[in-house]
C-alpha atoms as a PDB file:
ATOM      1  CA  MET A   1       0.012   0.092   0.057  1.00  0.00           C
ATOM      2  CA  ASN A   2       1.390   3.472  -1.040  1.00  0.00           C
ATOM      3  CA  ASP A   3      -1.708   6.304  -0.234  1.00  0.00           C
ATOM      4  CA  THR A   4      -1.318   9.313   0.155  1.00  0.00           C
ATOM      5  CA  PHE A   5      -3.062  11.894   2.110  1.00  0.00           C
ATOM      6  CA  THR A   6      -2.873  15.526   2.489  1.00  0.00           C
ATOM      7  CA  LEU A   7      -3.237  18.426   5.513  1.00  0.00           C
ATOM      8  CA  PRO A   8      -5.034  21.088   5.131  1.00  0.00           C
ATOM      9  CA  VAL A   9      -3.501  25.205   5.542  1.00  0.00           C
ATOM     10  CA  THR A  10      -2.027  25.249   9.183  1.00  0.00           C
ATOM     11  CA  GLN A  11      -2.181  28.086  11.528  1.00  0.00           C
ATOM     12  CA  GLY A  12       1.038  27.364  13.184  1.00  0.00           C
ATOM     13  CA  PRO A  13       4.349  29.314  12.517  1.00  0.00           C
ATOM     14  CA  ALA A  14       5.213  26.901  10.065  1.00  0.00           C
ATOM     15  CA  ALA A  15       2.487  26.743   8.224  1.00  0.00           C
ATOM     16  CA  ALA A  16       2.367  25.265   5.174  1.00  0.00           C
ATOM     17  CA  ALA A  17      -0.631  24.281   2.641  1.00  0.00           C
ATOM     18  CA  GLY A  18      -0.793  21.208   0.656  1.00  0.00           C
ATOM     19  CA  ILE A  19       1.680  18.954   2.585  1.00  0.00           C
ATOM     20  CA  ALA A  20       1.399  15.285   1.630  1.00  0.00           C
ATOM     21  CA  TYR A  21       2.123  12.244   3.573  1.00  0.00           C
ATOM     22  CA  ASP A  22       2.693   8.788   1.831  1.00  0.00           C
ATOM     23  CA  VAL A  23       1.154   6.176   3.583  1.00  0.00           C
ATOM     24  CA  LEU A  24       3.707   3.124   3.353  1.00  0.00           C
ATOM     25  CA  ARG A  25       1.612   0.517   5.608  1.00  0.00           C
ATOM     26  CA  TYR A  26      -1.960   0.751   7.261  1.00  0.00           C
ATOM     27  CA  THR A  27      -2.766  -2.936   8.085  1.00  0.00           C
ATOM     28  CA  THR A  28      -4.024  -5.567  10.582  1.00  0.00           C
ATOM     29  CA  VAL A  29      -1.261  -7.057  12.849  1.00  0.00           C
ATOM     30  CA  ASP A  30      -1.222 -10.998  11.734  1.00  0.00           C
ATOM     31  CA  GLY A  31      -4.187 -10.551   9.493  1.00  0.00           C
ATOM     32  CA  THR A  32      -6.532 -10.193  12.237  1.00  0.00           C
ATOM     33  CA  LEU A  33      -8.333  -7.395  13.817  1.00  0.00           C
ATOM     34  CA  SER A  34      -6.697  -7.481  16.836  1.00  0.00           C
ATOM     35  CA  GLY A  35      -4.094  -4.810  16.298  1.00  0.00           C
ATOM     36  CA  HIS A  36      -3.294  -2.198  13.776  1.00  0.00           C
ATOM     37  CA  GLU A  37       0.217  -0.793  11.967  1.00  0.00           C
ATOM     38  CA  LEU A  38       0.819   2.817  10.407  1.00  0.00           C
ATOM     39  CA  ILE A  39       3.524   3.385   8.640  1.00  0.00           C
ATOM     40  CA  MET A  40       4.068   7.142   7.125  1.00  0.00           C
ATOM     41  CA  LYS A  41       6.494   9.046   5.315  1.00  0.00           C
ATOM     42  CA  ALA A  42       6.157  12.766   6.018  1.00  0.00           C
ATOM     43  CA  LYS A  43       8.038  15.431   3.280  1.00  0.00           C
ATOM     44  CA  GLY A  44       9.383  17.806   5.460  1.00  0.00           C
ATOM     45  CA  LEU A  45       8.033  21.514   5.405  1.00  0.00           C
ATOM     46  CA  ASP A  46       9.147  22.166   1.701  1.00  0.00           C
ATOM     47  CA  GLY A  47       7.685  18.998   0.414  1.00  0.00           C
ATOM     48  CA  LEU A  48      11.428  17.603  -0.484  1.00  0.00           C
ATOM     49  CA  GLN A  49      12.285  15.659   2.552  1.00  0.00           C
ATOM     50  CA  GLU A  50      11.828  11.800   3.685  1.00  0.00           C
ATOM     51  CA  ILE A  51      10.733  11.294   7.468  1.00  0.00           C
ATOM     52  CA  TYR A  52       9.717   7.775   8.554  1.00  0.00           C
ATOM     53  CA  TRP A  53       7.249   7.396  11.531  1.00  0.00           C
ATOM     54  CA  GLY A  54       5.105   5.032  13.057  1.00  0.00           C
ATOM     55  CA  ILE A  55       2.467   3.474  15.287  1.00  0.00           C
ATOM     56  CA  ARG A  56       1.048  -0.142  16.166  1.00  0.00           C
ATOM     57  CA  THR A  57      -1.059  -0.883  18.966  1.00  0.00           C
ATOM     58  CA  TYR A  58      -0.509  -3.739  21.359  1.00  0.00           C
ATOM     59  CA  HIS A  59      -2.653  -4.826  24.391  1.00  0.00           C
ATOM     60  CA  ASP A  60      -3.297  -7.764  26.619  1.00  0.00           C
ATOM     61  CA  VAL A  61      -6.709  -8.391  27.792  1.00  0.00           C
ATOM     62  CA  GLY A  62      -5.827 -10.246  30.910  1.00  0.00           C
ATOM     63  CA  ALA A  63      -3.809  -7.288  32.041  1.00  0.00           C
ATOM     64  CA  ASP A  64      -6.273  -4.780  30.385  1.00  0.00           C
ATOM     65  CA  TYR A  65      -4.011  -2.522  28.616  1.00  0.00           C
ATOM     66  CA  TYR A  66      -4.598  -1.731  24.902  1.00  0.00           C
ATOM     67  CA  ASN A  67      -1.177   0.539  23.956  1.00  0.00           C
ATOM     68  CA  LEU A  68       0.625   2.219  21.532  1.00  0.00           C
ATOM     69  CA  LEU A  69       4.402   1.798  20.347  1.00  0.00           C
ATOM     70  CA  ALA A  70       5.535   4.659  18.017  1.00  0.00           C
ATOM     71  CA  GLY A  71       8.631   5.080  16.760  1.00  0.00           C
ATOM     72  CA  VAL A  72      10.749   7.165  13.882  1.00  0.00           C
ATOM     73  CA  PHE A  73      12.975   4.854  11.157  1.00  0.00           C
ATOM     74  CA  THR A  74      15.279   5.646   9.083  1.00  0.00           C
ATOM     75  CA  GLY A  75      14.084   4.307   6.207  1.00  0.00           C
ATOM     76  CA  TYR A  76      11.406   1.766   5.189  1.00  0.00           C
ATOM     77  CA  ILE A  77      11.445  -1.981   3.694  1.00  0.00           C
ATOM     78  CA  ALA A  78       8.377  -3.665   3.079  1.00  0.00           C
ATOM     79  CA  GLY A  79       9.578  -6.634   4.225  1.00  0.00           C
ATOM     80  CA  ASN A  80      10.279  -5.773   7.366  1.00  0.00           C
ATOM     81  CA  THR A  81       8.005  -5.773  10.572  1.00  0.00           C
ATOM     82  CA  PHE A  82       7.378  -2.646  12.082  1.00  0.00           C
ATOM     83  CA  ASP A  83       9.823  -3.336  14.864  1.00  0.00           C
ATOM     84  CA  THR A  84      12.977  -4.439  13.006  1.00  0.00           C
ATOM     85  CA  GLN A  85      12.450  -1.171   9.952  1.00  0.00           C
ATOM     86  CA  PRO A  86      15.898   0.650   9.488  1.00  0.00           C
ATOM     87  CA  GLY A  87      16.670   2.944  12.522  1.00  0.00           C
ATOM     88  CA  ALA A  88      13.875   2.534  14.813  1.00  0.00           C
ATOM     89  CA  ALA A  89      13.811   4.003  17.809  1.00  0.00           C
ATOM     90  CA  LEU A  90      10.434   3.139  19.768  1.00  0.00           C
ATOM     91  CA  VAL A  91       8.409   4.189  22.738  1.00  0.00           C
ATOM     92  CA  GLY A  92       5.091   3.165  24.537  1.00  0.00           C
ATOM     93  CA  CYS A  93       2.281   5.311  25.028  1.00  0.00           C
ATOM     94  CA  PRO A  94      -0.779   3.784  27.628  1.00  0.00           C
ATOM     95  CA  ALA A  95      -4.372   4.291  25.253  1.00  0.00           C
ATOM     96  CA  HIS A  96      -7.374   2.052  26.365  1.00  0.00           C
ATOM     97  CA  ASN A  97     -10.142   0.247  24.518  1.00  0.00           C
ATOM     98  CA  ASN A  98     -12.745   2.510  25.436  1.00  0.00           C
ATOM     99  CA  ARG A  99     -13.448   6.394  24.672  1.00  0.00           C
ATOM    100  CA  ILE A 100     -10.154   8.477  24.204  1.00  0.00           C
ATOM    101  CA  ASP A 101     -10.400  11.918  23.480  1.00  0.00           C
ATOM    102  CA  TYR A 102      -7.624  13.373  21.816  1.00  0.00           C
ATOM    103  CA  TRP A 103      -5.726  16.729  20.490  1.00  0.00           C
ATOM    104  CA  LEU A 104      -3.473  16.148  17.254  1.00  0.00           C
ATOM    105  CA  THR A 105      -1.726  18.045  15.615  1.00  0.00           C
ATOM    106  CA  MET A 106       0.433  17.467  12.456  1.00  0.00           C
ATOM    107  CA  ASN A 107       2.586  19.692  10.088  1.00  0.00           C
ATOM    108  CA  GLY A 108       4.895  18.574   7.298  1.00  0.00           C
ATOM    109  CA  GLN A 109       7.635  16.917   9.487  1.00  0.00           C
ATOM    110  CA  ARG A 110       6.007  16.187  12.918  1.00  0.00           C
ATOM    111  CA  ILE A 111       3.168  14.932  14.828  1.00  0.00           C
ATOM    112  CA  ALA A 112       2.084  15.510  18.163  1.00  0.00           C
ATOM    113  CA  LEU A 113      -0.476  13.889  20.084  1.00  0.00           C
ATOM    114  CA  ALA A 114      -1.802  13.990  23.568  1.00  0.00           C
ATOM    115  CA  MET A 115      -4.695  11.471  24.578  1.00  0.00           C
ATOM    116  CA  LYS A 116      -7.215  11.779  27.760  1.00  0.00           C
ATOM    117  CA  VAL A 117      -7.553   8.121  28.764  1.00  0.00           C
ATOM    118  CA  GLY A 118      -9.429   6.215  31.758  1.00  0.00           C
ATOM    119  CA  THR A 119      -9.776   7.770  34.737  1.00  0.00           C
ATOM    120  CA  PRO A 120      -8.795  10.900  33.506  1.00  0.00           C
ATOM    121  CA  VAL A 121      -4.484  10.863  32.794  1.00  0.00           C
ATOM    122  CA  TYR A 122      -3.073  12.315  29.828  1.00  0.00           C
ATOM    123  CA  GLU A 123      -0.608  10.547  27.666  1.00  0.00           C
ATOM    124  CA  HIS A 124       1.563  11.909  25.173  1.00  0.00           C
ATOM    125  CA  LEU A 125       3.548  11.123  21.908  1.00  0.00           C
ATOM    126  CA  TYR A 126       5.783  13.218  19.319  1.00  0.00           C
ATOM    127  CA  LEU A 127       7.473  11.607  16.263  1.00  0.00           C
ATOM    128  CA  GLY A 128       9.485  13.246  13.570  1.00  0.00           C
ATOM    129  CA  LYS A 129      11.717  15.964  13.552  1.00  0.00           C
ATOM    130  CA  MET A 130      12.825  18.635  15.698  1.00  0.00           C
ATOM    131  CA  LEU A 131      13.937  22.243  15.042  1.00  0.00           C
ATOM    132  CA  PRO A 132      18.351  21.961  14.690  1.00  0.00           C
ATOM    133  CA  TYR A 133      20.388  24.478  15.488  1.00  0.00           C
ATOM    134  CA  SER A 134      23.075  23.922  12.491  1.00  0.00           C
ATOM    135  CA  ARG A 135      22.897  23.466   8.966  1.00  0.00           C
ATOM    136  CA  PRO A 136      21.238  20.604   7.245  1.00  0.00           C
ATOM    137  CA  SER A 137      24.748  19.450   6.093  1.00  0.00           C
ATOM    138  CA  GLN A 138      25.841  19.120   9.866  1.00  0.00           C
ATOM    139  CA  PHE A 139      22.740  18.061  11.237  1.00  0.00           C
ATOM    140  CA  PRO A 140      20.378  16.208   8.480  1.00  0.00           C
ATOM    141  CA  TYR A 141      17.795  13.854  10.377  1.00  0.00           C
ATOM    142  CA  PRO A 142      17.110  14.936  13.749  1.00  0.00           C
ATOM    143  CA  VAL A 143      14.326  12.821  14.598  1.00  0.00           C
ATOM    144  CA  VAL A 144      12.696  12.450  17.971  1.00  0.00           C
ATOM    145  CA  ALA A 145      10.521   9.611  19.158  1.00  0.00           C
ATOM    146  CA  GLY A 146       8.854  11.206  22.567  1.00  0.00           C
ATOM    147  CA  GLY A 147       6.733   9.101  24.497  1.00  0.00           C
ATOM    148  CA  MET A 148       5.590   7.788  28.343  1.00  0.00           C
ATOM    149  CA  LEU A 149       7.036   4.354  28.072  1.00  0.00           C
ATOM    150  CA  VAL A 150      10.592   2.314  27.180  1.00  0.00           C
ATOM    151  CA  GLY A 151       9.311   0.393  24.413  1.00  0.00           C
ATOM    152  CA  ALA A 152       6.048  -2.007  24.324  1.00  0.00           C
ATOM    153  CA  ALA A 153       6.270  -1.855  28.463  1.00  0.00           C
ATOM    154  CA  ALA A 154       3.060  -3.704  29.480  1.00  0.00           C
ATOM    155  CA  THR A 155       2.017  -0.964  31.709  1.00  0.00           C
ATOM    156  CA  ARG A 156      -1.871   0.397  31.997  1.00  0.00           C
ATOM    157  CA  PHE A 157      -2.685   4.018  31.748  1.00  0.00           C
ATOM    158  CA  SER A 158      -3.659   3.413  35.588  1.00  0.00           C
ATOM    159  CA  GLU A 159       0.087   2.633  36.748  1.00  0.00           C
ATOM    160  CA  ILE A 160       1.131   5.882  38.506  1.00  0.00           C
ATOM    161  CA  THR A 161       4.819   5.847  37.987  1.00  0.00           C
ATOM    162  CA  HIS A 162       4.841   6.377  34.096  1.00  0.00           C
ATOM    163  CA  ASP A 163       5.959   9.526  33.169  1.00  0.00           C
ATOM    164  CA  PHE A 164       5.880  12.160  30.055  1.00  0.00           C
ATOM    165  CA  TYR A 165       8.926  12.081  27.725  1.00  0.00           C
ATOM    166  CA  LEU A 166       9.646  16.301  28.521  1.00  0.00           C
ATOM    167  CA  ARG A 167      11.098  14.953  32.015  1.00  0.00           C
ATOM    168  CA  GLY A 168      14.385  13.389  30.224  1.00  0.00           C
ATOM    169  CA  ALA A 169      17.107  11.259  30.574  1.00  0.00           C
ATOM    170  CA  SER A 170      15.202   8.365  29.820  1.00  0.00           C
ATOM    171  CA  ALA A 171      14.641   6.047  26.891  1.00  0.00           C
ATOM    172  CA  ARG A 172      11.028   7.298  26.548  1.00  0.00           C
ATOM    173  CA  GLY A 173      12.583  10.568  24.670  1.00  0.00           C
ATOM    174  CA  GLN A 174      15.181   9.400  21.930  1.00  0.00           C
ATOM    175  CA  LEU A 175      16.526  12.196  19.649  1.00  0.00           C
ATOM    176  CA  ARG A 176      19.054  10.980  16.527  1.00  0.00           C
ATOM    177  CA  THR A 177      21.838  13.170  17.000  1.00  0.00           C
ATOM    178  CA  PRO A 178      24.968  12.789  13.905  1.00  0.00           C
ATOM    179  CA  GLY A 179      26.351  10.397  16.176  1.00  0.00           C
ATOM    180  CA  GLY A 180      23.535   7.815  16.473  1.00  0.00           C
ATOM    181  CA  TYR A 181      20.662   8.016  19.319  1.00  0.00           C
ATOM    182  CA  VAL A 182      20.795   9.619  22.734  1.00  0.00           C
ATOM    183  CA  ASN A 183      18.555   9.865  25.240  1.00  0.00           C
ATOM    184  CA  MET A 184      17.474  13.470  25.144  1.00  0.00           C
ATOM    185  CA  TYR A 185      17.561  16.263  27.996  1.00  0.00           C
ATOM    186  CA  CYS A 186      14.971  18.763  27.666  1.00  0.00           C
ATOM    187  CA  TYR A 187      15.499  22.335  28.978  1.00  0.00           C
ATOM    188  CA  PRO A 188      13.507  23.776  31.301  1.00  0.00           C
ATOM    189  CA  TRP A 189      12.968  20.798  33.055  1.00  0.00           C
ATOM    190  CA  GLY A 190      15.971  19.326  34.963  1.00  0.00           C
ATOM    191  CA  ASN A 191      16.699  23.315  35.730  1.00  0.00           C
ATOM    192  CA  THR A 192      16.073  23.484  39.353  1.00  0.00           C
ATOM    193  CA  TYR A 193      15.170  26.796  39.846  1.00  0.00           C
ATOM    194  CA  ILE A 194      12.162  26.356  37.259  1.00  0.00           C
ATOM    195  CA  THR A 195      11.020  22.726  37.437  1.00  0.00           C
ATOM    196  CA  GLY A 196      12.511  21.545  40.663  1.00  0.00           C
ATOM    197  CA  ASN A 197      10.998  19.812  43.045  1.00  0.00           C
ATOM    198  CA  SER A 198      12.864  20.574  46.534  1.00  0.00           C
ATOM    199  CA  SER A 199      10.983  23.326  48.951  1.00  0.00           C
ATOM    200  CA  ALA A 200      13.504  25.985  48.294  1.00  0.00           C
ATOM    201  CA  ALA A 201      13.524  25.446  44.460  1.00  0.00           C
ATOM    202  CA  ALA A 202       9.472  25.018  44.170  1.00  0.00           C
ATOM    203  CA  GLN A 203       9.811  29.092  45.521  1.00  0.00           C
ATOM    204  CA  LEU A 204      11.442  29.858  42.356  1.00  0.00           C
ATOM    205  CA  GLN A 205       9.484  28.378  39.715  1.00  0.00           C
ATOM    206  CA  ALA A 206       7.689  30.078  36.731  1.00  0.00           C
ATOM    207  CA  ARG A 207       4.380  31.265  37.588  1.00  0.00           C
ATOM    208  CA  ASP A 208       2.232  33.715  35.448  1.00  0.00           C
ATOM    209  CA  THR A 209       2.773  37.327  35.469  1.00  0.00           C
ATOM    210  CA  GLU A 210      -1.068  38.779  36.021  1.00  0.00           C
ATOM    211  CA  GLY A 211      -2.428  36.081  34.404  1.00  0.00           C
ATOM    212  CA  GLN A 212      -0.100  36.296  31.442  1.00  0.00           C
ATOM    213  CA  TYR A 213       1.788  32.793  30.958  1.00  0.00           C
ATOM    214  CA  PRO A 214       4.886  32.633  29.190  1.00  0.00           C
ATOM    215  CA  LEU A 215       5.700  29.799  26.658  1.00  0.00           C
ATOM    216  CA  LEU A 216       9.512  28.747  26.940  1.00  0.00           C
ATOM    217  CA  PRO A 217      10.586  26.143  23.910  1.00  0.00           C
ATOM    218  CA  VAL A 218      11.852  23.141  24.644  1.00  0.00           C
ATOM    219  CA  GLU A 219      15.537  22.687  24.052  1.00  0.00           C
ATOM    220  CA  LEU A 220      16.978  19.261  23.916  1.00  0.00           C
ATOM    221  CA  HIS A 221      20.681  18.498  24.779  1.00  0.00           C
ATOM    222  CA  ASP A 222      22.887  15.653  25.857  1.00  0.00           C
ATOM    223  CA  ASN A 223      23.830  17.252  29.691  1.00  0.00           C
ATOM    224  CA  SER A 224      27.284  17.158  28.575  1.00  0.00           C
ATOM    225  CA  ALA A 225      28.594  19.738  26.014  1.00  0.00           C
ATOM    226  CA  ASN A 226      25.814  19.235  23.390  1.00  0.00           C
ATOM    227  CA  LEU A 227      22.544  21.692  22.468  1.00  0.00           C
ATOM    228  CA  TYR A 228      20.941  20.195  19.874  1.00  0.00           C
ATOM    229  CA  GLY A 229      17.712  22.515  19.070  1.00  0.00           C
ATOM    230  CA  GLN A 230      14.156  22.696  20.066  1.00  0.00           C
ATOM    231  CA  LEU A 231      10.855  20.816  19.735  1.00  0.00           C
ATOM    232  CA  ASP A 232       8.710  21.859  16.798  1.00  0.00           C
ATOM    233  CA  GLY A 233       5.181  23.273  18.978  1.00  0.00           C
ATOM    234  CA  ILE A 234       5.871  21.815  22.285  1.00  0.00           C
ATOM    235  CA  PHE A 235       6.719  24.430  24.967  1.00  0.00           C
ATOM    236  CA  HIS A 236       7.077  24.428  28.748  1.00  0.00           C
ATOM    237  CA  VAL A 237       4.204  26.305  30.599  1.00  0.00           C
ATOM    238  CA  SER A 238       3.742  26.727  34.184  1.00  0.00           C
ATOM    239  CA  GLY A 239       1.176  24.870  36.099  1.00  0.00           C
ATOM    240  CA  PHE A 240       0.662  27.664  39.053  1.00  0.00           C
ATOM    241  CA  ASN A 241      -3.117  28.651  38.930  1.00  0.00           C
ATOM    242  CA  SER A 242      -3.780  26.602  35.911  1.00  0.00           C
ATOM    243  CA  ALA A 243      -5.691  23.881  34.701  1.00  0.00           C
ATOM    244  CA  VAL A 244      -5.073  20.699  31.641  1.00  0.00           C
ATOM    245  CA  GLU A 245      -6.727  21.816  28.897  1.00  0.00           C
ATOM    246  CA  ASN A 246      -6.640  25.508  29.028  1.00  0.00           C
ATOM    247  CA  THR A 247      -6.541  27.036  25.858  1.00  0.00           C
ATOM    248  CA  LEU A 248      -4.556  30.313  24.872  1.00  0.00           C
ATOM    249  CA  VAL A 249      -4.018  32.602  22.091  1.00  0.00           C
ATOM    250  CA  ILE A 250      -0.489  34.227  21.174  1.00  0.00           C
ATOM    251  CA  GLY A 251      -0.232  35.829  17.782  1.00  0.00           C
ATOM    252  CA  GLY A 252      -3.481  34.082  16.112  1.00  0.00           C
ATOM    253  CA  VAL A 253      -2.144  30.496  17.327  1.00  0.00           C
ATOM    254  CA  THR A 254      -3.640  28.240  19.264  1.00  0.00           C
ATOM    255  CA  TYR A 255      -2.328  26.537  22.090  1.00  0.00           C
ATOM    256  CA  VAL A 256      -3.556  23.910  24.571  1.00  0.00           C
ATOM    257  CA  VAL A 257      -1.959  23.005  28.189  1.00  0.00           C
ATOM    258  CA  MET A 258      -1.778  19.804  28.981  1.00  0.00           C
ATOM    259  CA  GLN A 259      -0.407  17.428  31.697  1.00  0.00           C
ATOM    260  CA  SER A 260       1.500  14.461  32.586  1.00  0.00           C
ATOM    261  CA  VAL A 261      -0.644  11.632  33.670  1.00  0.00           C
ATOM    262  CA  ALA A 262      -2.444  12.851  36.535  1.00  0.00           C
ATOM    263  CA  ARG A 263       0.143  15.050  38.034  1.00  0.00           C
ATOM    264  CA  THR A 264      -0.366  18.854  38.905  1.00  0.00           C
ATOM    265  CA  GLY A 265       2.566  19.949  40.010  1.00  0.00           C
ATOM    266  CA  HIS A 266       4.561  23.566  38.601  1.00  0.00           C
ATOM    267  CA  ALA A 267       6.196  21.687  36.061  1.00  0.00           C
ATOM    268  CA  ASP A 268       4.098  18.597  35.016  1.00  0.00           C
ATOM    269  CA  TYR A 269       2.324  20.902  32.257  1.00  0.00           C
ATOM    270  CA  TYR A 270       3.000  22.127  28.882  1.00  0.00           C
ATOM    271  CA  ALA A 271       1.441  23.987  25.602  1.00  0.00           C
ATOM    272  CA  LEU A 272       0.658  21.967  22.665  1.00  0.00           C
ATOM    273  CA  ARG A 273       0.602  24.529  19.769  1.00  0.00           C
ATOM    274  CA  LEU A 274      -2.752  23.349  17.682  1.00  0.00           C
ATOM    275  CA  ASP A 275      -1.574  23.164  14.063  1.00  0.00           C
ATOM    276  CA  VAL A 276      -4.155  21.333  12.289  1.00  0.00           C
END
């Protein structure tokens, strides 16, 4: 199968009309209705690139979990399984077999997904390119696989220790660098004075200014000498006196506030730009 669908005009800063995605695989797993696989090729904001990502379902009826395994790839081989596609970096995301409200935003180089699952809790994915701080010749394929679990973990949405990829320093957030995949660190998470949990740091955490909530870019680094770039359409926002699903409009662009699972601390939120 090699179908194409086209995105409408978007409202974000990377707005583009008529961006096409190639559907390379959309099928049931093992020919049954127990699972599905989707692999796509995005063409970038200029329509000239090849960016591979995919999602497949996995579940266990007895353990009552119904989840997504998502990843980015460096290419596509029709004869390979989902998990053995070239250069696969895979992350998991709890879902459900009942109603799910979701926010899905796409442009020509990435998708970002937030889901309201179960009790409810909020689960998240980011697949595709980020915005590198270098030329394409230096950093030609800066893709990210960001999720809630390390691989296809047998984790139900109600489990309370899983967390979003933005916390950083975990295989649930993987960045492809010129030297290979790394478990990415995400600024400002990891900065004690913005997102710390100690009592002293909590007094210094970012909050609103007279009801205005500044958005901070999420910058990716390796906690060493390398700062790689920032996520596309994902921003830190303070959770002070705020709530999940709140919206804000900046320059005519709408953002929705999301939280990690059921956490409600200052540093457990981000803002998702709604492109489509």
